[in-house]
Amino acid sequence: MVKDGADVLEFPKPKAVAPMPPVPVPKKEPKEHYRVGFNDEGMTTLTLMTEYGNSMTLSMNQEACEQLIRMLRATYKNQDDTDPTDPDGGIPLNTEGKKVA
């Protein structure tokens, strides 16, 4: 039994405190806002994702995809590079001469 601290040893006061190592800042993962793919029926899918894990998937046939592309291109500020007589808004041709999205 200790009385009045007679048998208690105190630790010596440190002369210098070693600096703490810097806390690493975790890198932010790039956020994925959308995905493009296709489903079992061969339709193109566009999946839109939110920060909270919710998502919505649109399935479109080729005609709907081309319409969406035209609608997106209509929002461009500079439309000088598109041919107004081209019905799909200037989608490039693939090697077989067919329009590709």
PDB file of N, CA and C in Angstrom:
ATOM      1  N   MET A   1       0.833  -1.163   0.000  1.00  0.00           N
ATOM      2  CA  MET A   1       0.000   0.000   0.000  1.00  0.00           C
ATOM      3  C   MET A   1       0.887   1.239   0.000  1.00  0.00           C
ATOM      4  N   VAL A   2       0.534   2.197  -0.862  1.00  0.00           N
ATOM      5  CA  VAL A   2       1.334   3.399  -1.012  1.00  0.00           C
ATOM      6  C   VAL A   2       0.699   4.503  -0.177  1.00  0.00           C
ATOM      7  N   LYS A   3       1.536   5.163   0.614  1.00  0.00           N
ATOM      8  CA  LYS A   3       1.053   6.265   1.437  1.00  0.00           C
ATOM      9  C   LYS A   3       1.724   7.554   1.000  1.00  0.00           C
ATOM     10  N   ASP A   4       0.908   8.526   0.710  1.00  0.00           N
ATOM     11  CA  ASP A   4       1.383   9.866   0.388  1.00  0.00           C
ATOM     12  C   ASP A   4       2.391   9.889  -0.754  1.00  0.00           C
ATOM     13  N   GLY A   5       2.355   8.906  -1.646  1.00  0.00           N
ATOM     14  CA  GLY A   5       3.215   8.899  -2.826  1.00  0.00           C
ATOM     15  C   GLY A   5       4.673   8.642  -2.525  1.00  0.00           C
ATOM     16  N   ALA A   6       5.006   8.080  -1.388  1.00  0.00           N
ATOM     17  CA  ALA A   6       6.395   7.863  -1.025  1.00  0.00           C
ATOM     18  C   ALA A   6       7.059   6.831  -1.914  1.00  0.00           C
ATOM     19  N   ASP A   7       6.327   5.831  -2.372  1.00  0.00           N
ATOM     20  CA  ASP A   7       6.914   4.770  -3.185  1.00  0.00           C
ATOM     21  C   ASP A   7       6.627   4.942  -4.681  1.00  0.00           C
ATOM     22  N   VAL A   8       6.111   6.075  -5.100  1.00  0.00           N
ATOM     23  CA  VAL A   8       5.755   6.300  -6.490  1.00  0.00           C
ATOM     24  C   VAL A   8       6.908   7.002  -7.188  1.00  0.00           C
ATOM     25  N   LEU A   9       7.334   6.414  -8.327  1.00  0.00           N
ATOM     26  CA  LEU A   9       8.391   7.025  -9.129  1.00  0.00           C
ATOM     27  C   LEU A   9       7.763   7.819 -10.256  1.00  0.00           C
ATOM     28  N   GLU A  10       8.252   8.997 -10.494  1.00  0.00           N
ATOM     29  CA  GLU A  10       7.750   9.808 -11.588  1.00  0.00           C
ATOM     30  C   GLU A  10       8.630   9.605 -12.816  1.00  0.00           C
ATOM     31  N   PHE A  11       7.996   9.632 -13.995  1.00  0.00           N
ATOM     32  CA  PHE A  11       8.760   9.542 -15.226  1.00  0.00           C
ATOM     33  C   PHE A  11       9.465  10.866 -15.452  1.00  0.00           C
ATOM     34  N   PRO A  12      10.677  10.823 -16.011  1.00  0.00           N
ATOM     35  CA  PRO A  12      11.361  12.096 -16.271  1.00  0.00           C
ATOM     36  C   PRO A  12      10.642  12.865 -17.375  1.00  0.00           C
ATOM     37  N   LYS A  13      10.720  14.164 -17.317  1.00  0.00           N
ATOM     38  CA  LYS A  13      10.095  15.016 -18.325  1.00  0.00           C
ATOM     39  C   LYS A  13      10.886  14.864 -19.626  1.00  0.00           C
ATOM     40  N   PRO A  14      10.203  14.683 -20.757  1.00  0.00           N
ATOM     41  CA  PRO A  14      10.918  14.555 -22.031  1.00  0.00           C
ATOM     42  C   PRO A  14      11.571  15.885 -22.406  1.00  0.00           C
ATOM     43  N   LYS A  15      12.763  15.787 -22.991  1.00  0.00           N
ATOM     44  CA  LYS A  15      13.472  16.987 -23.408  1.00  0.00           C
ATOM     45  C   LYS A  15      12.937  17.481 -24.754  1.00  0.00           C
ATOM     46  N   ALA A  16      12.624  16.551 -25.606  1.00  0.00           N
ATOM     47  CA  ALA A  16      12.092  16.913 -26.913  1.00  0.00           C
ATOM     48  C   ALA A  16      11.087  15.838 -27.338  1.00  0.00           C
ATOM     49  N   VAL A  17      10.091  16.259 -28.020  1.00  0.00           N
ATOM     50  CA  VAL A  17       9.074  15.324 -28.492  1.00  0.00           C
ATOM     51  C   VAL A  17       9.312  15.086 -29.981  1.00  0.00           C
ATOM     52  N   ALA A  18       9.400  13.847 -30.360  1.00  0.00           N
ATOM     53  CA  ALA A  18       9.585  13.517 -31.774  1.00  0.00           C
ATOM     54  C   ALA A  18       8.341  13.931 -32.546  1.00  0.00           C
ATOM     55  N   PRO A  19       8.527  14.502 -33.740  1.00  0.00           N
ATOM     56  CA  PRO A  19       7.354  14.923 -34.507  1.00  0.00           C
ATOM     57  C   PRO A  19       6.544  13.715 -34.964  1.00  0.00           C
ATOM     58  N   MET A  20       5.260  13.906 -35.013  1.00  0.00           N
ATOM     59  CA  MET A  20       4.383  12.841 -35.490  1.00  0.00           C
ATOM     60  C   MET A  20       4.511  12.758 -37.009  1.00  0.00           C
ATOM     61  N   PRO A  21       4.478  11.564 -37.547  1.00  0.00           N
ATOM     62  CA  PRO A  21       4.544  11.460 -39.005  1.00  0.00           C
ATOM     63  C   PRO A  21       3.290  12.083 -39.618  1.00  0.00           C
ATOM     64  N   PRO A  22       3.423  12.637 -40.820  1.00  0.00           N
ATOM     65  CA  PRO A  22       2.243  13.244 -41.442  1.00  0.00           C
ATOM     66  C   PRO A  22       1.185  12.198 -41.734  1.00  0.00           C
ATOM     67  N   VAL A  23      -0.048  12.584 -41.548  1.00  0.00           N
ATOM     68  CA  VAL A  23      -1.155  11.674 -41.818  1.00  0.00           C
ATOM     69  C   VAL A  23      -1.377  11.646 -43.331  1.00  0.00           C
ATOM     70  N   PRO A  24      -1.309  10.471 -43.931  1.00  0.00           N
ATOM     71  CA  PRO A  24      -1.504  10.423 -45.395  1.00  0.00           C
ATOM     72  C   PRO A  24      -2.937  10.796 -45.752  1.00  0.00           C
ATOM     73  N   VAL A  25      -3.063  11.601 -46.771  1.00  0.00           N
ATOM     74  CA  VAL A  25      -4.383  12.001 -47.264  1.00  0.00           C
ATOM     75  C   VAL A  25      -4.816  10.963 -48.283  1.00  0.00           C
ATOM     76  N   PRO A  26      -5.949  10.331 -48.041  1.00  0.00           N
ATOM     77  CA  PRO A  26      -6.373   9.320 -49.010  1.00  0.00           C
ATOM     78  C   PRO A  26      -6.725   9.972 -50.343  1.00  0.00           C
ATOM     79  N   LYS A  27      -6.317   9.302 -51.413  1.00  0.00           N
ATOM     80  CA  LYS A  27      -6.626   9.810 -52.748  1.00  0.00           C
ATOM     81  C   LYS A  27      -8.098   9.569 -53.034  1.00  0.00           C
ATOM     82  N   LYS A  28      -8.718  10.557 -53.642  1.00  0.00           N
ATOM     83  CA  LYS A  28     -10.111  10.400 -54.000  1.00  0.00           C
ATOM     84  C   LYS A  28     -10.204   9.541 -55.253  1.00  0.00           C
ATOM     85  N   GLU A  29     -11.039   8.551 -55.153  1.00  0.00           N
ATOM     86  CA  GLU A  29     -11.264   7.694 -56.303  1.00  0.00           C
ATOM     87  C   GLU A  29     -12.082   8.482 -57.330  1.00  0.00           C
ATOM     88  N   PRO A  30     -11.753   8.339 -58.606  1.00  0.00           N
ATOM     89  CA  PRO A  30     -12.584   9.026 -59.587  1.00  0.00           C
ATOM     90  C   PRO A  30     -13.997   8.475 -59.539  1.00  0.00           C
ATOM     91  N   LYS A  31     -14.945   9.376 -59.582  1.00  0.00           N
ATOM     92  CA  LYS A  31     -16.335   8.946 -59.509  1.00  0.00           C
ATOM     93  C   LYS A  31     -16.842   8.623 -60.900  1.00  0.00           C
ATOM     94  N   GLU A  32     -17.541   7.529 -60.973  1.00  0.00           N
ATOM     95  CA  GLU A  32     -18.131   7.100 -62.234  1.00  0.00           C
ATOM     96  C   GLU A  32     -19.562   7.621 -62.258  1.00  0.00           C
ATOM     97  N   HIS A  33     -19.891   8.425 -63.259  1.00  0.00           N
ATOM     98  CA  HIS A  33     -21.213   9.019 -63.330  1.00  0.00           C
ATOM     99  C   HIS A  33     -22.132   8.282 -64.292  1.00  0.00           C
ATOM    100  N   TYR A  34     -21.549   7.559 -65.237  1.00  0.00           N
ATOM    101  CA  TYR A  34     -22.373   6.822 -66.190  1.00  0.00           C
ATOM    102  C   TYR A  34     -21.586   5.645 -66.751  1.00  0.00           C
ATOM    103  N   ARG A  35     -22.321   4.699 -67.292  1.00  0.00           N
ATOM    104  CA  ARG A  35     -21.736   3.548 -67.990  1.00  0.00           C
ATOM    105  C   ARG A  35     -22.523   3.316 -69.268  1.00  0.00           C
ATOM    106  N   VAL A  36     -21.825   2.884 -70.282  1.00  0.00           N
ATOM    107  CA  VAL A  36     -22.462   2.547 -71.551  1.00  0.00           C
ATOM    108  C   VAL A  36     -22.157   1.084 -71.834  1.00  0.00           C
ATOM    109  N   GLY A  37     -23.152   0.359 -72.247  1.00  0.00           N
ATOM    110  CA  GLY A  37     -22.959  -1.064 -72.542  1.00  0.00           C
ATOM    111  C   GLY A  37     -24.092  -1.567 -73.411  1.00  0.00           C
ATOM    112  N   PHE A  38     -24.377  -2.855 -73.316  1.00  0.00           N
ATOM    113  CA  PHE A  38     -25.492  -3.431 -74.051  1.00  0.00           C
ATOM    114  C   PHE A  38     -26.073  -4.556 -73.230  1.00  0.00           C
ATOM    115  N   ASN A  39     -27.337  -4.867 -73.490  1.00  0.00           N
ATOM    116  CA  ASN A  39     -28.002  -5.929 -72.732  1.00  0.00           C
ATOM    117  C   ASN A  39     -28.086  -7.207 -73.567  1.00  0.00           C
ATOM    118  N   ASP A  40     -28.763  -8.221 -73.026  1.00  0.00           N
ATOM    119  CA  ASP A  40     -28.862  -9.522 -73.693  1.00  0.00           C
ATOM    120  C   ASP A  40     -29.625  -9.461 -75.011  1.00  0.00           C
ATOM    121  N   GLU A  41     -30.458  -8.434 -75.167  1.00  0.00           N
ATOM    122  CA  GLU A  41     -31.241  -8.305 -76.399  1.00  0.00           C
ATOM    123  C   GLU A  41     -30.512  -7.493 -77.459  1.00  0.00           C
ATOM    124  N   GLY A  42     -29.270  -7.078 -77.170  1.00  0.00           N
ATOM    125  CA  GLY A  42     -28.481  -6.323 -78.128  1.00  0.00           C
ATOM    126  C   GLY A  42     -28.768  -4.833 -78.130  1.00  0.00           C
ATOM    127  N   MET A  43     -29.557  -4.370 -77.173  1.00  0.00           N
ATOM    128  CA  MET A  43     -29.859  -2.945 -77.097  1.00  0.00           C
ATOM    129  C   MET A  43     -28.746  -2.233 -76.331  1.00  0.00           C
ATOM    130  N   THR A  44     -28.496  -0.991 -76.703  1.00  0.00           N
ATOM    131  CA  THR A  44     -27.493  -0.178 -76.020  1.00  0.00           C
ATOM    132  C   THR A  44     -28.074   0.267 -74.688  1.00  0.00           C
ATOM    133  N   THR A  45     -27.255   0.210 -73.632  1.00  0.00           N
ATOM    134  CA  THR A  45     -27.702   0.658 -72.315  1.00  0.00           C
ATOM    135  C   THR A  45     -26.859   1.829 -71.860  1.00  0.00           C
ATOM    136  N   LEU A  46     -27.511   2.799 -71.253  1.00  0.00           N
ATOM    137  CA  LEU A  46     -26.856   3.942 -70.639  1.00  0.00           C
ATOM    138  C   LEU A  46     -27.304   3.949 -69.191  1.00  0.00           C
ATOM    139  N   THR A  47     -26.360   3.739 -68.263  1.00  0.00           N
ATOM    140  CA  THR A  47     -26.674   3.729 -66.842  1.00  0.00           C
ATOM    141  C   THR A  47     -26.144   5.010 -66.221  1.00  0.00           C
ATOM    142  N   LEU A  48     -27.022   5.776 -65.589  1.00  0.00           N
ATOM    143  CA  LEU A  48     -26.667   7.007 -64.900  1.00  0.00           C
ATOM    144  C   LEU A  48     -26.619   6.714 -63.412  1.00  0.00           C
ATOM    145  N   MET A  49     -25.529   7.149 -62.739  1.00  0.00           N
ATOM    146  CA  MET A  49     -25.330   6.839 -61.328  1.00  0.00           C
ATOM    147  C   MET A  49     -25.225   8.108 -60.493  1.00  0.00           C
ATOM    148  N   THR A  50     -25.744   8.049 -59.261  1.00  0.00           N
ATOM    149  CA  THR A  50     -25.660   9.181 -58.342  1.00  0.00           C
ATOM    150  C   THR A  50     -24.587   8.917 -57.298  1.00  0.00           C
ATOM    151  N   GLU A  51     -24.312   9.926 -56.480  1.00  0.00           N
ATOM    152  CA  GLU A  51     -23.313   9.786 -55.412  1.00  0.00           C
ATOM    153  C   GLU A  51     -23.759   8.791 -54.352  1.00  0.00           C
ATOM    154  N   TYR A  52     -25.045   8.595 -54.224  1.00  0.00           N
ATOM    155  CA  TYR A  52     -25.577   7.792 -53.122  1.00  0.00           C
ATOM    156  C   TYR A  52     -25.832   6.343 -53.505  1.00  0.00           C
ATOM    157  N   GLY A  53     -25.345   5.917 -54.658  1.00  0.00           N
ATOM    158  CA  GLY A  53     -25.481   4.524 -55.058  1.00  0.00           C
ATOM    159  C   GLY A  53     -26.734   4.217 -55.850  1.00  0.00           C
ATOM    160  N   ASN A  54     -27.563   5.203 -56.088  1.00  0.00           N
ATOM    161  CA  ASN A  54     -28.753   4.981 -56.919  1.00  0.00           C
ATOM    162  C   ASN A  54     -28.352   5.027 -58.382  1.00  0.00           C
ATOM    163  N   SER A  55     -29.113   4.329 -59.216  1.00  0.00           N
ATOM    164  CA  SER A  55     -28.817   4.357 -60.644  1.00  0.00           C
ATOM    165  C   SER A  55     -30.098   4.152 -61.445  1.00  0.00           C
ATOM    166  N   MET A  56     -30.032   4.527 -62.697  1.00  0.00           N
ATOM    167  CA  MET A  56     -31.135   4.341 -63.629  1.00  0.00           C
ATOM    168  C   MET A  56     -30.534   3.911 -64.955  1.00  0.00           C
ATOM    169  N   THR A  57     -31.081   2.884 -65.565  1.00  0.00           N
ATOM    170  CA  THR A  57     -30.556   2.373 -66.831  1.00  0.00           C
ATOM    171  C   THR A  57     -31.572   2.578 -67.934  1.00  0.00           C
ATOM    172  N   LEU A  58     -31.115   3.171 -69.026  1.00  0.00           N
ATOM    173  CA  LEU A  58     -31.930   3.329 -70.230  1.00  0.00           C
ATOM    174  C   LEU A  58     -31.476   2.290 -71.240  1.00  0.00           C
ATOM    175  N   SER A  59     -32.412   1.576 -71.824  1.00  0.00           N
ATOM    176  CA  SER A  59     -32.108   0.630 -72.900  1.00  0.00           C
ATOM    177  C   SER A  59     -32.675   1.209 -74.176  1.00  0.00           C
ATOM    178  N   MET A  60     -31.820   1.310 -75.204  1.00  0.00           N
ATOM    179  CA  MET A  60     -32.243   1.971 -76.441  1.00  0.00           C
ATOM    180  C   MET A  60     -31.853   1.148 -77.650  1.00  0.00           C
ATOM    181  N   ASN A  61     -32.711   1.204 -78.676  1.00  0.00           N
ATOM    182  CA  ASN A  61     -32.338   0.607 -79.958  1.00  0.00           C
ATOM    183  C   ASN A  61     -31.473   1.620 -80.705  1.00  0.00           C
ATOM    184  N   GLN A  62     -31.016   1.275 -81.900  1.00  0.00           N
ATOM    185  CA  GLN A  62     -30.096   2.147 -82.637  1.00  0.00           C
ATOM    186  C   GLN A  62     -30.732   3.496 -82.959  1.00  0.00           C
ATOM    187  N   GLU A  63     -32.000   3.487 -83.341  1.00  0.00           N
ATOM    188  CA  GLU A  63     -32.674   4.740 -83.681  1.00  0.00           C
ATOM    189  C   GLU A  63     -32.732   5.674 -82.467  1.00  0.00           C
ATOM    190  N   ALA A  64     -33.039   5.127 -81.291  1.00  0.00           N
ATOM    191  CA  ALA A  64     -33.104   5.948 -80.077  1.00  0.00           C
ATOM    192  C   ALA A  64     -31.719   6.473 -79.702  1.00  0.00           C
ATOM    193  N   CYS A  65     -30.683   5.657 -79.897  1.00  0.00           N
ATOM    194  CA  CYS A  65     -29.312   6.110 -79.617  1.00  0.00           C
ATOM    195  C   CYS A  65     -28.932   7.279 -80.515  1.00  0.00           C
ATOM    196  N   GLU A  66     -29.259   7.155 -81.802  1.00  0.00           N
ATOM    197  CA  GLU A  66     -28.935   8.232 -82.734  1.00  0.00           C
ATOM    198  C   GLU A  66     -29.703   9.506 -82.403  1.00  0.00           C
ATOM    199  N   GLN A  67     -30.942   9.353 -81.950  1.00  0.00           N
ATOM    200  CA  GLN A  67     -31.718  10.525 -81.547  1.00  0.00           C
ATOM    201  C   GLN A  67     -31.098  11.178 -80.312  1.00  0.00           C
ATOM    202  N   LEU A  68     -30.675  10.374 -79.352  1.00  0.00           N
ATOM    203  CA  LEU A  68     -30.028  10.920 -78.151  1.00  0.00           C
ATOM    204  C   LEU A  68     -28.739  11.648 -78.527  1.00  0.00           C
ATOM    205  N   ILE A  69     -27.977  11.084 -79.444  1.00  0.00           N
ATOM    206  CA  ILE A  69     -26.740  11.733 -79.889  1.00  0.00           C
ATOM    207  C   ILE A  69     -27.059  13.077 -80.531  1.00  0.00           C
ATOM    208  N   ARG A  70     -28.094  13.127 -81.370  1.00  0.00           N
ATOM    209  CA  ARG A  70     -28.488  14.397 -81.998  1.00  0.00           C
ATOM    210  C   ARG A  70     -28.902  15.416 -80.937  1.00  0.00           C
ATOM    211  N   MET A  71     -29.636  14.957 -79.947  1.00  0.00           N
ATOM    212  CA  MET A  71     -30.080  15.870 -78.889  1.00  0.00           C
ATOM    213  C   MET A  71     -28.889  16.391 -78.080  1.00  0.00           C
ATOM    214  N   LEU A  72     -27.922  15.534 -77.803  1.00  0.00           N
ATOM    215  CA  LEU A  72     -26.732  15.972 -77.063  1.00  0.00           C
ATOM    216  C   LEU A  72     -25.918  16.959 -77.893  1.00  0.00           C
ATOM    217  N   ARG A  73     -25.767  16.657 -79.186  1.00  0.00           N
ATOM    218  CA  ARG A  73     -25.000  17.565 -80.047  1.00  0.00           C
ATOM    219  C   ARG A  73     -25.666  18.929 -80.173  1.00  0.00           C
ATOM    220  N   ALA A  74     -26.984  18.972 -80.060  1.00  0.00           N
ATOM    221  CA  ALA A  74     -27.702  20.243 -80.157  1.00  0.00           C
ATOM    222  C   ALA A  74     -27.358  21.165 -78.988  1.00  0.00           C
ATOM    223  N   THR A  75     -26.805  20.611 -77.910  1.00  0.00           N
ATOM    224  CA  THR A  75     -26.448  21.431 -76.759  1.00  0.00           C
ATOM    225  C   THR A  75     -25.051  22.029 -76.878  1.00  0.00           C
ATOM    226  N   TYR A  76     -24.274  21.618 -77.896  1.00  0.00           N
ATOM    227  CA  TYR A  76     -22.930  22.159 -78.076  1.00  0.00           C
ATOM    228  C   TYR A  76     -23.008  23.645 -78.387  1.00  0.00           C
ATOM    229  N   LYS A  77     -22.112  24.432 -77.838  1.00  0.00           N
ATOM    230  CA  LYS A  77     -22.079  25.867 -78.108  1.00  0.00           C
ATOM    231  C   LYS A  77     -21.586  26.140 -79.519  1.00  0.00           C
ATOM    232  N   ASN A  78     -20.561  25.405 -79.957  1.00  0.00           N
ATOM    233  CA  ASN A  78     -19.981  25.613 -81.277  1.00  0.00           C
ATOM    234  C   ASN A  78     -20.414  24.465 -82.176  1.00  0.00           C
ATOM    235  N   GLN A  79     -21.348  24.739 -83.071  1.00  0.00           N
ATOM    236  CA  GLN A  79     -21.835  23.694 -83.963  1.00  0.00           C
ATOM    237  C   GLN A  79     -21.353  23.899 -85.390  1.00  0.00           C
ATOM    238  N   ASP A  80     -20.280  24.665 -85.574  1.00  0.00           N
ATOM    239  CA  ASP A  80     -19.769  24.945 -86.914  1.00  0.00           C
ATOM    240  C   ASP A  80     -19.209  23.705 -87.609  1.00  0.00           C
ATOM    241  N   ASP A  81     -18.778  22.691 -86.823  1.00  0.00           N
ATOM    242  CA  ASP A  81     -18.135  21.527 -87.415  1.00  0.00           C
ATOM    243  C   ASP A  81     -19.134  20.462 -87.858  1.00  0.00           C
ATOM    244  N   THR A  82     -20.436  20.672 -87.658  1.00  0.00           N
ATOM    245  CA  THR A  82     -21.415  19.674 -88.078  1.00  0.00           C
ATOM    246  C   THR A  82     -22.100  20.133 -89.357  1.00  0.00           C
ATOM    247  N   ASP A  83     -22.433  19.179 -90.168  1.00  0.00           N
ATOM    248  CA  ASP A  83     -23.106  19.446 -91.434  1.00  0.00           C
ATOM    249  C   ASP A  83     -24.614  19.440 -91.189  1.00  0.00           C
ATOM    250  N   PRO A  84     -25.316  20.569 -91.400  1.00  0.00           N
ATOM    251  CA  PRO A  84     -26.748  20.596 -91.105  1.00  0.00           C
ATOM    252  C   PRO A  84     -27.572  19.683 -92.006  1.00  0.00           C
ATOM    253  N   THR A  85     -27.022  19.255 -93.132  1.00  0.00           N
ATOM    254  CA  THR A  85     -27.757  18.358 -94.020  1.00  0.00           C
ATOM    255  C   THR A  85     -27.580  16.890 -93.626  1.00  0.00           C
ATOM    256  N   ASP A  86     -26.652  16.612 -92.711  1.00  0.00           N
ATOM    257  CA  ASP A  86     -26.429  15.241 -92.257  1.00  0.00           C
ATOM    258  C   ASP A  86     -27.502  14.910 -91.217  1.00  0.00           C
ATOM    259  N   PRO A  87     -28.366  13.919 -91.479  1.00  0.00           N
ATOM    260  CA  PRO A  87     -29.502  13.671 -90.577  1.00  0.00           C
ATOM    261  C   PRO A  87     -29.114  13.196 -89.183  1.00  0.00           C
ATOM    262  N   ASP A  88     -27.935  12.626 -89.021  1.00  0.00           N
ATOM    263  CA  ASP A  88     -27.560  12.164 -87.682  1.00  0.00           C
ATOM    264  C   ASP A  88     -26.566  13.093 -87.007  1.00  0.00           C
ATOM    265  N   GLY A  89     -26.327  14.265 -87.565  1.00  0.00           N
ATOM    266  CA  GLY A  89     -25.477  15.251 -86.912  1.00  0.00           C
ATOM    267  C   GLY A  89     -23.993  15.002 -87.050  1.00  0.00           C
ATOM    268  N   GLY A  90     -23.561  14.187 -87.982  1.00  0.00           N
ATOM    269  CA  GLY A  90     -22.136  14.014 -88.220  1.00  0.00           C
ATOM    270  C   GLY A  90     -21.499  12.855 -87.510  1.00  0.00           C
ATOM    271  N   ILE A  91     -22.246  11.788 -87.251  1.00  0.00           N
ATOM    272  CA  ILE A  91     -21.653  10.603 -86.634  1.00  0.00           C
ATOM    273  C   ILE A  91     -20.632  10.031 -87.610  1.00  0.00           C
ATOM    274  N   PRO A  92     -19.422   9.706 -87.148  1.00  0.00           N
ATOM    275  CA  PRO A  92     -18.393   9.220 -88.068  1.00  0.00           C
ATOM    276  C   PRO A  92     -18.738   7.857 -88.658  1.00  0.00           C
ATOM    277  N   LEU A  93     -18.145   7.577 -89.810  1.00  0.00           N
ATOM    278  CA  LEU A  93     -18.347   6.304 -90.481  1.00  0.00           C
ATOM    279  C   LEU A  93     -17.317   5.292 -90.011  1.00  0.00           C
ATOM    280  N   ASN A  94     -17.711   4.015 -89.919  1.00  0.00           N
ATOM    281  CA  ASN A  94     -16.733   2.979 -89.616  1.00  0.00           C
ATOM    282  C   ASN A  94     -16.092   2.515 -90.915  1.00  0.00           C
ATOM    283  N   THR A  95     -15.288   1.481 -90.888  1.00  0.00           N
ATOM    284  CA  THR A  95     -14.546   1.036 -92.066  1.00  0.00           C
ATOM    285  C   THR A  95     -15.456   0.472 -93.157  1.00  0.00           C
ATOM    286  N   GLU A  96     -16.653   0.018 -92.803  1.00  0.00           N
ATOM    287  CA  GLU A  96     -17.571  -0.533 -93.810  1.00  0.00           C
ATOM    288  C   GLU A  96     -18.489   0.521 -94.383  1.00  0.00           C
ATOM    289  N   GLY A  97     -18.308   1.784 -94.009  1.00  0.00           N
ATOM    290  CA  GLY A  97     -19.142   2.852 -94.530  1.00  0.00           C
ATOM    291  C   GLY A  97     -20.452   3.036 -93.800  1.00  0.00           C
ATOM    292  N   LYS A  98     -20.628   2.342 -92.675  1.00  0.00           N
ATOM    293  CA  LYS A  98     -21.845   2.485 -91.891  1.00  0.00           C
ATOM    294  C   LYS A  98     -21.608   3.479 -90.768  1.00  0.00           C
ATOM    295  N   LYS A  99     -22.649   4.172 -90.395  1.00  0.00           N
ATOM    296  CA  LYS A  99     -22.552   5.141 -89.298  1.00  0.00           C
ATOM    297  C   LYS A  99     -22.362   4.385 -87.981  1.00  0.00           C
ATOM    298  N   VAL A 100     -21.492   4.927 -87.138  1.00  0.00           N
ATOM    299  CA  VAL A 100     -21.258   4.344 -85.807  1.00  0.00           C
ATOM    300  C   VAL A 100     -21.458   5.437 -84.777  1.00  0.00           C
ATOM    301  N   ALA A 101     -21.897   5.019 -83.601  1.00  0.00           N
ATOM    302  CA  ALA A 101     -22.105   5.999 -82.523  1.00  0.00           C
ATOM    303  C   ALA A 101     -20.867   6.146 -81.698  1.00  0.00           C
TER     304      ALA A 101
END
